[in-house]
Amino acid sequence: MSTIQRIALVLTIIGAINWGLIGFFQFDLVAAIFGGQNAALARIIYGLVGIAGLLNLGLLFKANESFEREPEPDRVR
């Protein structure tokens, strides 16, 4: 996994935690830290989380090396 993918994954996890907090407790952590939902820095964070989510879509379609198998040798009967 590349550095960009790791950063995107961390940002996506942060976004998921923030949405969980909003859903369960009506508390927006990003807005609380960066000065409200309309603050420029908060909007940048929201944008980065959104871009990270789009980058992580590629992980859904990437072949998982642990599931790839080598072809079985032909067995003689």
N, C-alpha and C. Protein backbone atom coordinates (compact mmCIF):
# COMPACT_ATOMS: atom_id res chain seq x y z
N MET A 1 0.86 -1.17 0.00
CA MET A 1 0.00 0.00 0.00
C MET A 1 0.90 1.23 0.00
N SER A 2 0.61 2.17 -0.88
CA SER A 2 1.44 3.36 -1.00
C SER A 2 1.14 4.34 0.14
N THR A 3 2.01 5.31 0.28
CA THR A 3 1.85 6.33 1.33
C THR A 3 0.57 7.11 1.12
N ILE A 4 0.25 7.45 -0.13
CA ILE A 4 -0.98 8.19 -0.42
C ILE A 4 -2.20 7.37 0.00
N GLN A 5 -2.17 6.07 -0.28
CA GLN A 5 -3.30 5.22 0.11
C GLN A 5 -3.43 5.12 1.62
N ARG A 6 -2.31 5.08 2.32
CA ARG A 6 -2.36 5.03 3.79
C ARG A 6 -2.94 6.33 4.36
N ILE A 7 -2.52 7.46 3.82
CA ILE A 7 -3.05 8.75 4.26
C ILE A 7 -4.54 8.82 3.98
N ALA A 8 -4.94 8.38 2.78
CA ALA A 8 -6.35 8.38 2.42
C ALA A 8 -7.15 7.47 3.36
N LEU A 9 -6.58 6.33 3.72
CA LEU A 9 -7.27 5.42 4.63
C LEU A 9 -7.44 6.04 6.01
N VAL A 10 -6.41 6.71 6.50
CA VAL A 10 -6.49 7.38 7.81
C VAL A 10 -7.56 8.47 7.77
N LEU A 11 -7.58 9.27 6.70
CA LEU A 11 -8.59 10.33 6.59
C LEU A 11 -10.00 9.75 6.50
N THR A 12 -10.14 8.64 5.82
CA THR A 12 -11.44 8.00 5.71
C THR A 12 -11.90 7.48 7.08
N ILE A 13 -10.98 6.93 7.85
CA ILE A 13 -11.31 6.47 9.19
C ILE A 13 -11.71 7.64 10.08
N ILE A 14 -10.99 8.75 9.97
CA ILE A 14 -11.35 9.96 10.73
C ILE A 14 -12.76 10.41 10.35
N GLY A 15 -13.05 10.39 9.05
CA GLY A 15 -14.39 10.77 8.60
C GLY A 15 -15.46 9.83 9.12
N ALA A 16 -15.16 8.54 9.15
CA ALA A 16 -16.13 7.57 9.65
C ALA A 16 -16.39 7.78 11.15
N ILE A 17 -15.33 8.05 11.89
CA ILE A 17 -15.50 8.32 13.33
C ILE A 17 -16.33 9.58 13.53
N ASN A 18 -16.05 10.61 12.73
CA ASN A 18 -16.81 11.85 12.84
C ASN A 18 -18.29 11.62 12.54
N TRP A 19 -18.58 10.85 11.48
CA TRP A 19 -19.97 10.56 11.16
C TRP A 19 -20.63 9.72 12.24
N GLY A 20 -19.89 8.83 12.85
CA GLY A 20 -20.43 8.07 13.98
C GLY A 20 -20.80 8.97 15.14
N LEU A 21 -19.91 9.92 15.43
CA LEU A 21 -20.20 10.87 16.51
C LEU A 21 -21.43 11.73 16.19
N ILE A 22 -21.55 12.12 14.93
CA ILE A 22 -22.72 12.91 14.53
C ILE A 22 -23.98 12.08 14.66
N GLY A 23 -23.92 10.83 14.20
CA GLY A 23 -25.10 9.97 14.23
C GLY A 23 -25.55 9.60 15.63
N PHE A 24 -24.60 9.29 16.50
CA PHE A 24 -24.96 8.83 17.84
C PHE A 24 -25.13 9.95 18.86
N PHE A 25 -24.33 11.00 18.72
CA PHE A 25 -24.32 12.03 19.77
C PHE A 25 -24.60 13.44 19.27
N GLN A 26 -24.88 13.59 17.97
CA GLN A 26 -25.09 14.91 17.36
C GLN A 26 -23.94 15.85 17.68
N PHE A 27 -22.71 15.31 17.61
CA PHE A 27 -21.50 16.08 17.88
C PHE A 27 -20.56 15.97 16.70
N ASP A 28 -20.28 17.11 16.07
CA ASP A 28 -19.38 17.16 14.92
C ASP A 28 -17.99 17.54 15.43
N LEU A 29 -17.12 16.54 15.55
CA LEU A 29 -15.78 16.76 16.10
C LEU A 29 -14.95 17.69 15.23
N VAL A 30 -15.02 17.53 13.91
CA VAL A 30 -14.25 18.39 13.01
C VAL A 30 -14.68 19.85 13.18
N ALA A 31 -15.97 20.09 13.23
CA ALA A 31 -16.47 21.46 13.42
C ALA A 31 -16.05 22.00 14.78
N ALA A 32 -16.09 21.16 15.80
CA ALA A 32 -15.71 21.61 17.14
C ALA A 32 -14.24 21.98 17.21
N ILE A 33 -13.39 21.22 16.53
CA ILE A 33 -11.95 21.50 16.57
C ILE A 33 -11.58 22.70 15.72
N PHE A 34 -12.20 22.82 14.54
CA PHE A 34 -11.76 23.82 13.58
C PHE A 34 -12.68 25.02 13.45
N GLY A 35 -13.59 25.24 14.37
CA GLY A 35 -14.34 26.48 14.41
C GLY A 35 -15.67 26.50 13.70
N GLY A 36 -16.35 25.40 13.62
CA GLY A 36 -17.68 25.35 13.01
C GLY A 36 -17.65 24.79 11.61
N GLN A 37 -18.83 24.37 11.14
CA GLN A 37 -18.91 23.73 9.83
C GLN A 37 -18.57 24.67 8.69
N ASN A 38 -18.79 25.95 8.86
CA ASN A 38 -18.54 26.90 7.78
C ASN A 38 -17.14 27.50 7.82
N ALA A 39 -16.34 27.14 8.81
CA ALA A 39 -14.96 27.65 8.88
C ALA A 39 -14.16 27.06 7.72
N ALA A 40 -13.25 27.86 7.19
CA ALA A 40 -12.47 27.44 6.03
C ALA A 40 -11.68 26.17 6.30
N LEU A 41 -11.05 26.09 7.46
CA LEU A 41 -10.24 24.91 7.77
C LEU A 41 -11.11 23.65 7.90
N ALA A 42 -12.27 23.78 8.50
CA ALA A 42 -13.18 22.63 8.61
C ALA A 42 -13.63 22.18 7.23
N ARG A 43 -13.93 23.12 6.34
CA ARG A 43 -14.36 22.75 4.99
C ARG A 43 -13.23 22.07 4.22
N ILE A 44 -11.99 22.49 4.48
CA ILE A 44 -10.84 21.83 3.85
C ILE A 44 -10.74 20.38 4.34
N ILE A 45 -10.92 20.19 5.65
CA ILE A 45 -10.87 18.83 6.21
C ILE A 45 -11.99 17.98 5.62
N TYR A 46 -13.20 18.52 5.54
CA TYR A 46 -14.31 17.77 4.95
C TYR A 46 -13.98 17.41 3.50
N GLY A 47 -13.41 18.32 2.76
CA GLY A 47 -13.03 18.06 1.37
C GLY A 47 -11.97 16.98 1.26
N LEU A 48 -10.95 17.04 2.13
CA LEU A 48 -9.90 16.03 2.12
C LEU A 48 -10.44 14.64 2.46
N VAL A 49 -11.36 14.60 3.41
CA VAL A 49 -11.98 13.31 3.77
C VAL A 49 -12.78 12.77 2.58
N GLY A 50 -13.48 13.64 1.88
CA GLY A 50 -14.24 13.22 0.71
C GLY A 50 -13.33 12.69 -0.40
N ILE A 51 -12.24 13.39 -0.66
CA ILE A 51 -11.28 12.94 -1.68
C ILE A 51 -10.66 11.61 -1.26
N ALA A 52 -10.35 11.48 0.03
CA ALA A 52 -9.78 10.23 0.54
C ALA A 52 -10.74 9.07 0.33
N GLY A 53 -12.02 9.32 0.56
CA GLY A 53 -13.01 8.27 0.32
C GLY A 53 -13.04 7.85 -1.13
N LEU A 54 -12.93 8.80 -2.04
CA LEU A 54 -12.90 8.47 -3.46
C LEU A 54 -11.65 7.67 -3.82
N LEU A 55 -10.51 8.04 -3.24
CA LEU A 55 -9.28 7.29 -3.49
C LEU A 55 -9.38 5.86 -2.97
N ASN A 56 -10.07 5.69 -1.87
CA ASN A 56 -10.21 4.36 -1.28
C ASN A 56 -11.18 3.47 -2.05
N LEU A 57 -11.97 4.05 -2.95
CA LEU A 57 -12.83 3.22 -3.79
C LEU A 57 -12.00 2.24 -4.60
N GLY A 58 -10.79 2.64 -4.95
CA GLY A 58 -9.90 1.76 -5.69
C GLY A 58 -9.54 0.50 -4.92
N LEU A 59 -9.52 0.60 -3.59
CA LEU A 59 -9.21 -0.58 -2.78
C LEU A 59 -10.27 -1.66 -2.92
N LEU A 60 -11.51 -1.28 -3.22
CA LEU A 60 -12.57 -2.26 -3.39
C LEU A 60 -12.32 -3.16 -4.61
N PHE A 61 -11.70 -2.59 -5.63
CA PHE A 61 -11.54 -3.31 -6.88
C PHE A 61 -10.13 -3.83 -7.09
N LYS A 62 -9.24 -3.56 -6.15
CA LYS A 62 -7.87 -4.03 -6.26
C LYS A 62 -7.82 -5.50 -5.89
N ALA A 63 -7.09 -6.26 -6.67
CA ALA A 63 -6.99 -7.70 -6.40
C ALA A 63 -6.26 -7.92 -5.07
N ASN A 64 -6.80 -8.79 -4.27
CA ASN A 64 -6.19 -9.11 -2.99
C ASN A 64 -5.20 -10.25 -3.22
N GLU A 65 -3.94 -9.98 -2.94
CA GLU A 65 -2.89 -10.95 -3.22
C GLU A 65 -3.05 -12.24 -2.41
N SER A 66 -3.66 -12.15 -1.25
CA SER A 66 -3.80 -13.35 -0.44
C SER A 66 -4.83 -14.32 -1.03
N PHE A 67 -5.72 -13.82 -1.88
CA PHE A 67 -6.73 -14.69 -2.49
C PHE A 67 -6.31 -15.22 -3.85
N GLU A 68 -5.28 -14.63 -4.42
CA GLU A 68 -4.82 -15.11 -5.71
C GLU A 68 -4.05 -16.41 -5.50
N ARG A 69 -4.36 -17.40 -6.31
CA ARG A 69 -3.71 -18.70 -6.18
C ARG A 69 -2.92 -18.99 -7.44
N GLU A 70 -1.89 -19.75 -7.25
CA GLU A 70 -1.15 -20.22 -8.41
C GLU A 70 -1.92 -21.39 -8.99
N PRO A 71 -1.84 -21.57 -10.30
CA PRO A 71 -2.57 -22.69 -10.88
C PRO A 71 -2.05 -24.02 -10.33
N GLU A 72 -2.97 -24.92 -10.08
CA GLU A 72 -2.58 -26.23 -9.56
C GLU A 72 -1.91 -27.04 -10.65
N PRO A 73 -0.87 -27.77 -10.30
CA PRO A 73 -0.21 -28.58 -11.34
C PRO A 73 -1.14 -29.69 -11.81
N ASP A 74 -0.98 -30.08 -13.08
CA ASP A 74 -1.78 -31.16 -13.62
C ASP A 74 -1.45 -32.46 -12.89
N ARG A 75 -2.48 -33.16 -12.50
CA ARG A 75 -2.27 -34.43 -11.81
C ARG A 75 -2.38 -35.57 -12.82
N VAL A 76 -1.50 -36.49 -12.68
CA VAL A 76 -1.52 -37.67 -13.55
C VAL A 76 -2.39 -38.72 -12.88
N ARG A 77 -3.32 -39.28 -13.63
CA ARG A 77 -4.24 -40.26 -13.07
C ARG A 77 -3.80 -41.64 -13.38
